[in-house]
PDB file of N, CA and C in Angstrom:
ATOM      1  N   UNK A   1       0.856  -1.167   0.000  1.00  0.00           N
ATOM      2  CA  UNK A   1       0.000   0.000   0.000  1.00  0.00           C
ATOM      3  C   UNK A   1       0.904   1.233   0.000  1.00  0.00           C
ATOM      4  N   UNK A   2       0.524   2.203  -0.794  1.00  0.00           N
ATOM      5  CA  UNK A   2       1.332   3.418  -0.882  1.00  0.00           C
ATOM      6  C   UNK A   2       1.156   4.275   0.368  1.00  0.00           C
ATOM      7  N   UNK A   3       2.072   5.206   0.549  1.00  0.00           N
ATOM      8  CA  UNK A   3       2.033   6.088   1.709  1.00  0.00           C
ATOM      9  C   UNK A   3       0.766   6.945   1.711  1.00  0.00           C
ATOM     10  N   UNK A   4       0.358   7.435   0.550  1.00  0.00           N
ATOM     11  CA  UNK A   4      -0.822   8.299   0.501  1.00  0.00           C
ATOM     12  C   UNK A   4      -2.090   7.539   0.900  1.00  0.00           C
ATOM     13  N   UNK A   5      -2.239   6.311   0.448  1.00  0.00           N
ATOM     14  CA  UNK A   5      -3.418   5.529   0.826  1.00  0.00           C
ATOM     15  C   UNK A   5      -3.373   5.125   2.295  1.00  0.00           C
ATOM     16  N   UNK A   6      -2.188   4.846   2.800  1.00  0.00           N
ATOM     17  CA  UNK A   6      -2.050   4.542   4.226  1.00  0.00           C
ATOM     18  C   UNK A   6      -2.452   5.747   5.075  1.00  0.00           C
ATOM     19  N   UNK A   7      -1.967   6.932   4.703  1.00  0.00           N
ATOM     20  CA  UNK A   7      -2.347   8.143   5.433  1.00  0.00           C
ATOM     21  C   UNK A   7      -3.840   8.426   5.289  1.00  0.00           C
ATOM     22  N   UNK A   8      -4.389   8.138   4.112  1.00  0.00           N
ATOM     23  CA  UNK A   8      -5.828   8.301   3.914  1.00  0.00           C
ATOM     24  C   UNK A   8      -6.630   7.371   4.811  1.00  0.00           C
ATOM     25  N   UNK A   9      -6.170   6.142   4.958  1.00  0.00           N
ATOM     26  CA  UNK A   9      -6.857   5.204   5.850  1.00  0.00           C
ATOM     27  C   UNK A   9      -6.769   5.663   7.302  1.00  0.00           C
ATOM     28  N   UNK A  10      -5.614   6.188   7.704  1.00  0.00           N
ATOM     29  CA  UNK A  10      -5.481   6.735   9.060  1.00  0.00           C
ATOM     30  C   UNK A  10      -6.400   7.937   9.255  1.00  0.00           C
ATOM     31  N   UNK A  11      -6.532   8.760   8.231  1.00  0.00           N
ATOM     32  CA  UNK A  11      -7.430   9.917   8.301  1.00  0.00           C
ATOM     33  C   UNK A  11      -8.872   9.460   8.512  1.00  0.00           C
ATOM     34  N   UNK A  12      -9.275   8.436   7.787  1.00  0.00           N
ATOM     35  CA  UNK A  12     -10.647   7.912   7.928  1.00  0.00           C
ATOM     36  C   UNK A  12     -10.866   7.358   9.334  1.00  0.00           C
ATOM     37  N   UNK A  13      -9.897   6.627   9.874  1.00  0.00           N
ATOM     38  CA  UNK A  13     -10.031   6.107  11.237  1.00  0.00           C
ATOM     39  C   UNK A  13     -10.103   7.242  12.258  1.00  0.00           C
ATOM     40  N   UNK A  14      -9.280   8.273  12.068  1.00  0.00           N
ATOM     41  CA  UNK A  14      -9.322   9.414  12.989  1.00  0.00           C
ATOM     42  C   UNK A  14     -10.660  10.139  12.903  1.00  0.00           C
ATOM     43  N   UNK A  15     -11.213  10.265  11.707  1.00  0.00           N
ATOM     44  CA  UNK A  15     -12.520  10.905  11.543  1.00  0.00           C
ATOM     45  C   UNK A  15     -13.619  10.077  12.192  1.00  0.00           C
ATOM     46  N   UNK A  16     -13.511   8.775  12.112  1.00  0.00           N
ATOM     47  CA  UNK A  16     -14.507   7.906  12.739  1.00  0.00           C
ATOM     48  C   UNK A  16     -14.451   8.012  14.254  1.00  0.00           C
ATOM     49  N   UNK A  17     -13.243   8.024  14.814  1.00  0.00           N
ATOM     50  CA  UNK A  17     -13.092   8.180  16.265  1.00  0.00           C
ATOM     51  C   UNK A  17     -13.617   9.545  16.698  1.00  0.00           C
ATOM     52  N   UNK A  18     -13.337  10.574  15.919  1.00  0.00           N
ATOM     53  CA  UNK A  18     -13.823  11.917  16.235  1.00  0.00           C
ATOM     54  C   UNK A  18     -15.341  11.965  16.244  1.00  0.00           C
ATOM     55  N   UNK A  19     -15.974  11.245  15.351  1.00  0.00           N
ATOM     56  CA  UNK A  19     -17.441  11.243  15.289  1.00  0.00           C
ATOM     57  C   UNK A  19     -18.063  10.628  16.536  1.00  0.00           C
ATOM     58  N   UNK A  20     -17.344   9.765  17.229  1.00  0.00           N
ATOM     59  CA  UNK A  20     -17.862   9.146  18.443  1.00  0.00           C
ATOM     60  C   UNK A  20     -17.741  10.050  19.673  1.00  0.00           C
ATOM     61  N   UNK A  21     -16.976  11.130  19.561  1.00  0.00           N
ATOM     62  CA  UNK A  21     -16.800  12.043  20.693  1.00  0.00           C
ATOM     63  C   UNK A  21     -18.062  12.873  20.905  1.00  0.00           C
ATOM     64  N   UNK A  22     -18.275  13.366  22.128  1.00  0.00           N
ATOM     65  CA  UNK A  22     -19.380  14.307  22.334  1.00  0.00           C
ATOM     66  C   UNK A  22     -19.167  15.559  21.481  1.00  0.00           C
ATOM     67  N   UNK A  23     -20.250  16.218  21.118  1.00  0.00           N
ATOM     68  CA  UNK A  23     -20.183  17.345  20.184  1.00  0.00           C
ATOM     69  C   UNK A  23     -19.210  18.429  20.642  1.00  0.00           C
ATOM     70  N   UNK A  24     -19.184  18.747  21.909  1.00  0.00           N
ATOM     71  CA  UNK A  24     -18.315  19.829  22.383  1.00  0.00           C
ATOM     72  C   UNK A  24     -16.835  19.468  22.282  1.00  0.00           C
ATOM     73  N   UNK A  25     -16.510  18.193  22.164  1.00  0.00           N
ATOM     74  CA  UNK A  25     -15.109  17.769  22.045  1.00  0.00           C
ATOM     75  C   UNK A  25     -14.710  17.432  20.612  1.00  0.00           C
ATOM     76  N   UNK A  26     -15.617  17.619  19.678  1.00  0.00           N
ATOM     77  CA  UNK A  26     -15.323  17.312  18.278  1.00  0.00           C
ATOM     78  C   UNK A  26     -14.666  18.460  17.531  1.00  0.00           C
ATOM     79  N   UNK A  27     -14.710  19.670  18.068  1.00  0.00           N
ATOM     80  CA  UNK A  27     -14.280  20.834  17.303  1.00  0.00           C
ATOM     81  C   UNK A  27     -12.801  20.809  16.937  1.00  0.00           C
ATOM     82  N   UNK A  28     -11.922  20.616  17.884  1.00  0.00           N
ATOM     83  CA  UNK A  28     -10.477  20.687  17.603  1.00  0.00           C
ATOM     84  C   UNK A  28     -10.035  19.558  16.668  1.00  0.00           C
ATOM     85  N   UNK A  29     -10.357  18.289  16.969  1.00  0.00           N
ATOM     86  CA  UNK A  29      -9.930  17.266  16.013  1.00  0.00           C
ATOM     87  C   UNK A  29     -10.659  17.368  14.676  1.00  0.00           C
ATOM     88  N   UNK A  30     -11.910  17.827  14.704  1.00  0.00           N
ATOM     89  CA  UNK A  30     -12.657  17.968  13.457  1.00  0.00           C
ATOM     90  C   UNK A  30     -12.068  19.028  12.547  1.00  0.00           C
ATOM     91  N   UNK A  31     -11.696  20.167  13.117  1.00  0.00           N
ATOM     92  CA  UNK A  31     -11.076  21.229  12.318  1.00  0.00           C
ATOM     93  C   UNK A  31      -9.716  20.769  11.810  1.00  0.00           C
ATOM     94  N   UNK A  32      -8.979  20.050  12.622  1.00  0.00           N
ATOM     95  CA  UNK A  32      -7.680  19.519  12.191  1.00  0.00           C
ATOM     96  C   UNK A  32      -7.851  18.576  11.002  1.00  0.00           C
ATOM     97  N   UNK A  33      -8.832  17.695  11.074  1.00  0.00           N
ATOM     98  CA  UNK A  33      -9.090  16.781   9.963  1.00  0.00           C
ATOM     99  C   UNK A  33      -9.583  17.529   8.730  1.00  0.00           C
ATOM    100  N   UNK A  34     -10.385  18.562   8.946  1.00  0.00           N
ATOM    101  CA  UNK A  34     -10.900  19.361   7.841  1.00  0.00           C
ATOM    102  C   UNK A  34      -9.767  20.073   7.108  1.00  0.00           C
ATOM    103  N   UNK A  35      -8.785  20.565   7.848  1.00  0.00           N
ATOM    104  CA  UNK A  35      -7.643  21.255   7.246  1.00  0.00           C
ATOM    105  C   UNK A  35      -6.681  20.263   6.584  1.00  0.00           C
ATOM    106  N   UNK A  36      -6.560  19.072   7.150  1.00  0.00           N
ATOM    107  CA  UNK A  36      -5.613  18.081   6.625  1.00  0.00           C
ATOM    108  C   UNK A  36      -6.116  17.389   5.361  1.00  0.00           C
ATOM    109  N   UNK A  37      -7.408  17.431   5.103  1.00  0.00           N
ATOM    110  CA  UNK A  37      -7.967  16.679   3.981  1.00  0.00           C
ATOM    111  C   UNK A  37      -7.504  17.167   2.600  1.00  0.00           C
ATOM    112  N   UNK A  38      -7.539  18.459   2.285  1.00  0.00           N
ATOM    113  CA  UNK A  38      -7.120  18.862   0.925  1.00  0.00           C
ATOM    114  C   UNK A  38      -5.684  18.476   0.553  1.00  0.00           C
ATOM    115  N   UNK A  39      -4.676  18.688   1.440  1.00  0.00           N
ATOM    116  CA  UNK A  39      -3.338  18.226   1.050  1.00  0.00           C
ATOM    117  C   UNK A  39      -3.260  16.704   0.890  1.00  0.00           C
ATOM    118  N   UNK A  40      -3.977  15.991   1.743  1.00  0.00           N
ATOM    119  CA  UNK A  40      -3.972  14.535   1.642  1.00  0.00           C
ATOM    120  C   UNK A  40      -4.616  14.080   0.335  1.00  0.00           C
ATOM    121  N   UNK A  41      -5.723  14.709  -0.049  1.00  0.00           N
ATOM    122  CA  UNK A  41      -6.360  14.369  -1.323  1.00  0.00           C
ATOM    123  C   UNK A  41      -5.456  14.725  -2.501  1.00  0.00           C
ATOM    124  N   UNK A  42      -4.742  15.829  -2.381  1.00  0.00           N
ATOM    125  CA  UNK A  42      -3.779  16.177  -3.420  1.00  0.00           C
ATOM    126  C   UNK A  42      -2.657  15.157  -3.536  1.00  0.00           C
ATOM    127  N   UNK A  43      -2.197  14.664  -2.394  1.00  0.00           N
ATOM    128  CA  UNK A  43      -1.148  13.639  -2.376  1.00  0.00           C
ATOM    129  C   UNK A  43      -1.654  12.339  -3.001  1.00  0.00           C
ATOM    130  N   UNK A  44      -2.883  11.963  -2.678  1.00  0.00           N
ATOM    131  CA  UNK A  44      -3.474  10.765  -3.285  1.00  0.00           C
ATOM    132  C   UNK A  44      -3.605  10.955  -4.792  1.00  0.00           C
ATOM    133  N   UNK A  45      -4.050  12.142  -5.202  1.00  0.00           N
ATOM    134  CA  UNK A  45      -4.166  12.414  -6.632  1.00  0.00           C
ATOM    135  C   UNK A  45      -2.819  12.402  -7.339  1.00  0.00           C
ATOM    136  N   UNK A  46      -1.805  12.894  -6.679  1.00  0.00           N
ATOM    137  CA  UNK A  46      -0.455  12.912  -7.264  1.00  0.00           C
ATOM    138  C   UNK A  46       0.077  11.495  -7.465  1.00  0.00           C
ATOM    139  N   UNK A  47      -0.147  10.626  -6.473  1.00  0.00           N
ATOM    140  CA  UNK A  47       0.405   9.278  -6.566  1.00  0.00           C
ATOM    141  C   UNK A  47      -0.462   8.316  -7.386  1.00  0.00           C
ATOM    142  N   UNK A  48      -1.777   8.518  -7.387  1.00  0.00           N
ATOM    143  CA  UNK A  48      -2.655   7.519  -7.991  1.00  0.00           C
ATOM    144  C   UNK A  48      -3.548   8.037  -9.103  1.00  0.00           C
ATOM    145  N   UNK A  49      -3.614   9.322  -9.308  1.00  0.00           N
ATOM    146  CA  UNK A  49      -4.402   9.866 -10.400  1.00  0.00           C
ATOM    147  C   UNK A  49      -5.690  10.521  -9.932  1.00  0.00           C
ATOM    148  N   UNK A  50      -6.447  10.976 -10.927  1.00  0.00           N
ATOM    149  CA  UNK A  50      -7.641  11.767 -10.680  1.00  0.00           C
ATOM    150  C   UNK A  50      -8.768  10.972 -10.027  1.00  0.00           C
ATOM    151  N   UNK A  51      -9.046   9.776 -10.508  1.00  0.00           N
ATOM    152  CA  UNK A  51     -10.215   9.025 -10.011  1.00  0.00           C
ATOM    153  C   UNK A  51     -10.114   8.643  -8.542  1.00  0.00           C
ATOM    154  N   UNK A  52      -8.995   8.133  -8.056  1.00  0.00           N
ATOM    155  CA  UNK A  52      -8.903   7.885  -6.612  1.00  0.00           C
ATOM    156  C   UNK A  52      -9.034   9.162  -5.781  1.00  0.00           C
ATOM    157  N   UNK A  53      -8.498  10.272  -6.293  1.00  0.00           N
ATOM    158  CA  UNK A  53      -8.633  11.539  -5.569  1.00  0.00           C
ATOM    159  C   UNK A  53     -10.092  11.987  -5.535  1.00  0.00           C
ATOM    160  N   UNK A  54     -10.823  11.800  -6.622  1.00  0.00           N
ATOM    161  CA  UNK A  54     -12.245  12.148  -6.653  1.00  0.00           C
ATOM    162  C   UNK A  54     -13.068  11.248  -5.731  1.00  0.00           C
ATOM    163  N   UNK A  55     -12.704   9.986  -5.653  1.00  0.00           N
ATOM    164  CA  UNK A  55     -13.382   9.090  -4.700  1.00  0.00           C
ATOM    165  C   UNK A  55     -13.116   9.529  -3.267  1.00  0.00           C
ATOM    166  N   UNK A  56     -11.887   9.920  -2.985  1.00  0.00           N
ATOM    167  CA  UNK A  56     -11.562  10.445  -1.666  1.00  0.00           C
ATOM    168  C   UNK A  56     -12.300  11.735  -1.375  1.00  0.00           C
ATOM    169  N   UNK A  57     -12.423  12.598  -2.375  1.00  0.00           N
ATOM    170  CA  UNK A  57     -13.173  13.846  -2.205  1.00  0.00           C
ATOM    171  C   UNK A  57     -14.647  13.564  -1.919  1.00  0.00           C
ATOM    172  N   UNK A  58     -15.213  12.578  -2.593  1.00  0.00           N
ATOM    173  CA  UNK A  58     -16.608  12.213  -2.323  1.00  0.00           C
ATOM    174  C   UNK A  58     -16.779  11.723  -0.889  1.00  0.00           C
ATOM    175  N   UNK A  59     -15.846  10.918  -0.401  1.00  0.00           N
ATOM    176  CA  UNK A  59     -15.905  10.457   0.986  1.00  0.00           C
ATOM    177  C   UNK A  59     -15.735  11.599   1.966  1.00  0.00           C
ATOM    178  N   UNK A  60     -14.837  12.526   1.658  1.00  0.00           N
ATOM    179  CA  UNK A  60     -14.608  13.683   2.517  1.00  0.00           C
ATOM    180  C   UNK A  60     -15.853  14.548   2.613  1.00  0.00           C
ATOM    181  N   UNK A  61     -16.461  14.848   1.479  1.00  0.00           N
ATOM    182  CA  UNK A  61     -17.668  15.679   1.468  1.00  0.00           C
ATOM    183  C   UNK A  61     -18.810  14.968   2.183  1.00  0.00           C
ATOM    184  N   UNK A  62     -18.890  13.663   2.040  1.00  0.00           N
ATOM    185  CA  UNK A  62     -19.934  12.901   2.717  1.00  0.00           C
ATOM    186  C   UNK A  62     -19.763  12.943   4.234  1.00  0.00           C
ATOM    187  N   UNK A  63     -18.533  12.812   4.699  1.00  0.00           N
ATOM    188  CA  UNK A  63     -18.284  12.787   6.139  1.00  0.00           C
ATOM    189  C   UNK A  63     -18.386  14.161   6.776  1.00  0.00           C
ATOM    190  N   UNK A  64     -18.039  15.215   6.036  1.00  0.00           N
ATOM    191  CA  UNK A  64     -18.011  16.563   6.588  1.00  0.00           C
ATOM    192  C   UNK A  64     -19.054  17.470   5.945  1.00  0.00           C
ATOM    193  N   UNK A  65     -20.202  16.910   5.582  1.00  0.00           N
ATOM    194  CA  UNK A  65     -21.201  17.700   4.882  1.00  0.00           C
ATOM    195  C   UNK A  65     -21.770  18.829   5.743  1.00  0.00           C
ATOM    196  N   UNK A  66     -21.996  18.601   7.028  1.00  0.00           N
ATOM    197  CA  UNK A  66     -22.548  19.669   7.868  1.00  0.00           C
ATOM    198  C   UNK A  66     -21.545  20.794   8.122  1.00  0.00           C
ATOM    199  N   UNK A  67     -20.292  20.509   8.490  1.00  0.00           N
ATOM    200  CA  UNK A  67     -19.338  21.617   8.627  1.00  0.00           C
ATOM    201  C   UNK A  67     -19.102  22.365   7.311  1.00  0.00           C
ATOM    202  N   UNK A  68     -19.063  21.645   6.193  1.00  0.00           N
ATOM    203  CA  UNK A  68     -18.875  22.310   4.908  1.00  0.00           C
ATOM    204  C   UNK A  68     -20.089  23.166   4.556  1.00  0.00           C
ATOM    205  N   UNK A  69     -21.275  22.702   4.891  1.00  0.00           N
ATOM    206  CA  UNK A  69     -22.488  23.486   4.669  1.00  0.00           C
ATOM    207  C   UNK A  69     -22.451  24.760   5.517  1.00  0.00           C
ATOM    208  N   UNK A  70     -21.998  24.647   6.754  1.00  0.00           N
ATOM    209  CA  UNK A  70     -21.873  25.804   7.634  1.00  0.00           C
ATOM    210  C   UNK A  70     -20.886  26.816   7.058  1.00  0.00           C
ATOM    211  N   UNK A  71     -19.722  26.348   6.637  1.00  0.00           N
ATOM    212  CA  UNK A  71     -18.706  27.238   6.059  1.00  0.00           C
ATOM    213  C   UNK A  71     -19.244  27.918   4.803  1.00  0.00           C
ATOM    214  N   UNK A  72     -19.935  27.165   3.956  1.00  0.00           N
ATOM    215  CA  UNK A  72     -20.500  27.722   2.731  1.00  0.00           C
ATOM    216  C   UNK A  72     -21.498  28.835   3.044  1.00  0.00           C
ATOM    217  N   UNK A  73     -22.419  28.564   3.977  1.00  0.00           N
ATOM    218  CA  UNK A  73     -23.442  29.556   4.285  1.00  0.00           C
ATOM    219  C   UNK A  73     -22.869  30.788   4.972  1.00  0.00           C
ATOM    220  N   UNK A  74     -21.933  30.591   5.882  1.00  0.00           N
ATOM    221  CA  UNK A  74     -21.409  31.710   6.665  1.00  0.00           C
ATOM    222  C   UNK A  74     -20.453  32.576   5.855  1.00  0.00           C
ATOM    223  N   UNK A  75     -19.488  31.967   5.190  1.00  0.00           N
ATOM    224  CA  UNK A  75     -18.426  32.731   4.570  1.00  0.00           C
ATOM    225  C   UNK A  75     -18.651  33.025   3.091  1.00  0.00           C
ATOM    226  N   UNK A  76     -19.348  32.163   2.392  1.00  0.00           N
ATOM    227  CA  UNK A  76     -19.557  32.401   0.966  1.00  0.00           C
ATOM    228  C   UNK A  76     -20.850  33.182   0.732  1.00  0.00           C
ATOM    229  N   UNK A  77     -21.935  32.734   1.362  1.00  0.00           N
ATOM    230  CA  UNK A  77     -23.214  33.408   1.164  1.00  0.00           C
ATOM    231  C   UNK A  77     -23.425  34.570   2.127  1.00  0.00           C
ATOM    232  N   UNK A  78     -22.667  34.623   3.225  1.00  0.00           N
ATOM    233  CA  UNK A  78     -22.757  35.730   4.158  1.00  0.00           C
ATOM    234  C   UNK A  78     -23.920  35.646   5.142  1.00  0.00           C
ATOM    235  N   UNK A  79     -24.515  34.481   5.298  1.00  0.00           N
ATOM    236  CA  UNK A  79     -25.622  34.322   6.235  1.00  0.00           C
ATOM    237  C   UNK A  79     -25.101  34.231   7.665  1.00  0.00           C
ATOM    238  N   UNK A  80     -25.890  34.691   8.602  1.00  0.00           N
ATOM    239  CA  UNK A  80     -25.540  34.550  10.016  1.00  0.00           C
ATOM    240  C   UNK A  80     -25.964  33.156  10.482  1.00  0.00           C
ATOM    241  N   UNK A  81     -25.011  32.405  10.989  1.00  0.00           N
ATOM    242  CA  UNK A  81     -25.283  31.044  11.434  1.00  0.00           C
ATOM    243  C   UNK A  81     -24.994  30.956  12.930  1.00  0.00           C
ATOM    244  N   UNK A  82     -25.706  30.076  13.585  1.00  0.00           N
ATOM    245  CA  UNK A  82     -25.498  29.861  15.020  1.00  0.00           C
ATOM    246  C   UNK A  82     -24.958  28.450  15.226  1.00  0.00           C
ATOM    247  N   UNK A  83     -23.909  28.340  16.016  1.00  0.00           N
ATOM    248  CA  UNK A  83     -23.330  27.018  16.311  1.00  0.00           C
ATOM    249  C   UNK A  83     -24.263  26.239  17.238  1.00  0.00           C
ATOM    250  N   UNK A  84     -24.310  24.912  17.086  1.00  0.00           N
ATOM    251  CA  UNK A  84     -25.130  24.120  18.007  1.00  0.00           C
ATOM    252  C   UNK A  84     -24.575  24.150  19.423  1.00  0.00           C
ATOM    253  N   UNK A  85     -25.459  24.024  20.382  1.00  0.00           N
ATOM    254  CA  UNK A  85     -25.047  24.075  21.786  1.00  0.00           C
ATOM    255  C   UNK A  85     -24.652  22.718  22.299  1.00  0.00           C
TER     256      UNK A  85
END
């Protein structure tokens, strides 16, 4: 297994563990995973091509759809959003 796929598998395991945490403890590891995903997807695309990177992007968007929706609404559309309690 290549280094990029190994790191991708570790990223998926870390995201799964983060999802099991209570909501108030998900922010720091969740933001870290959110920031780490684009370089990791780029690395996968560099080593394996476009299709594996697109599959990884689909998994990333599926796992982080709510935070990405929040970022889209707040920063791109300019809507006022409230964080969950």
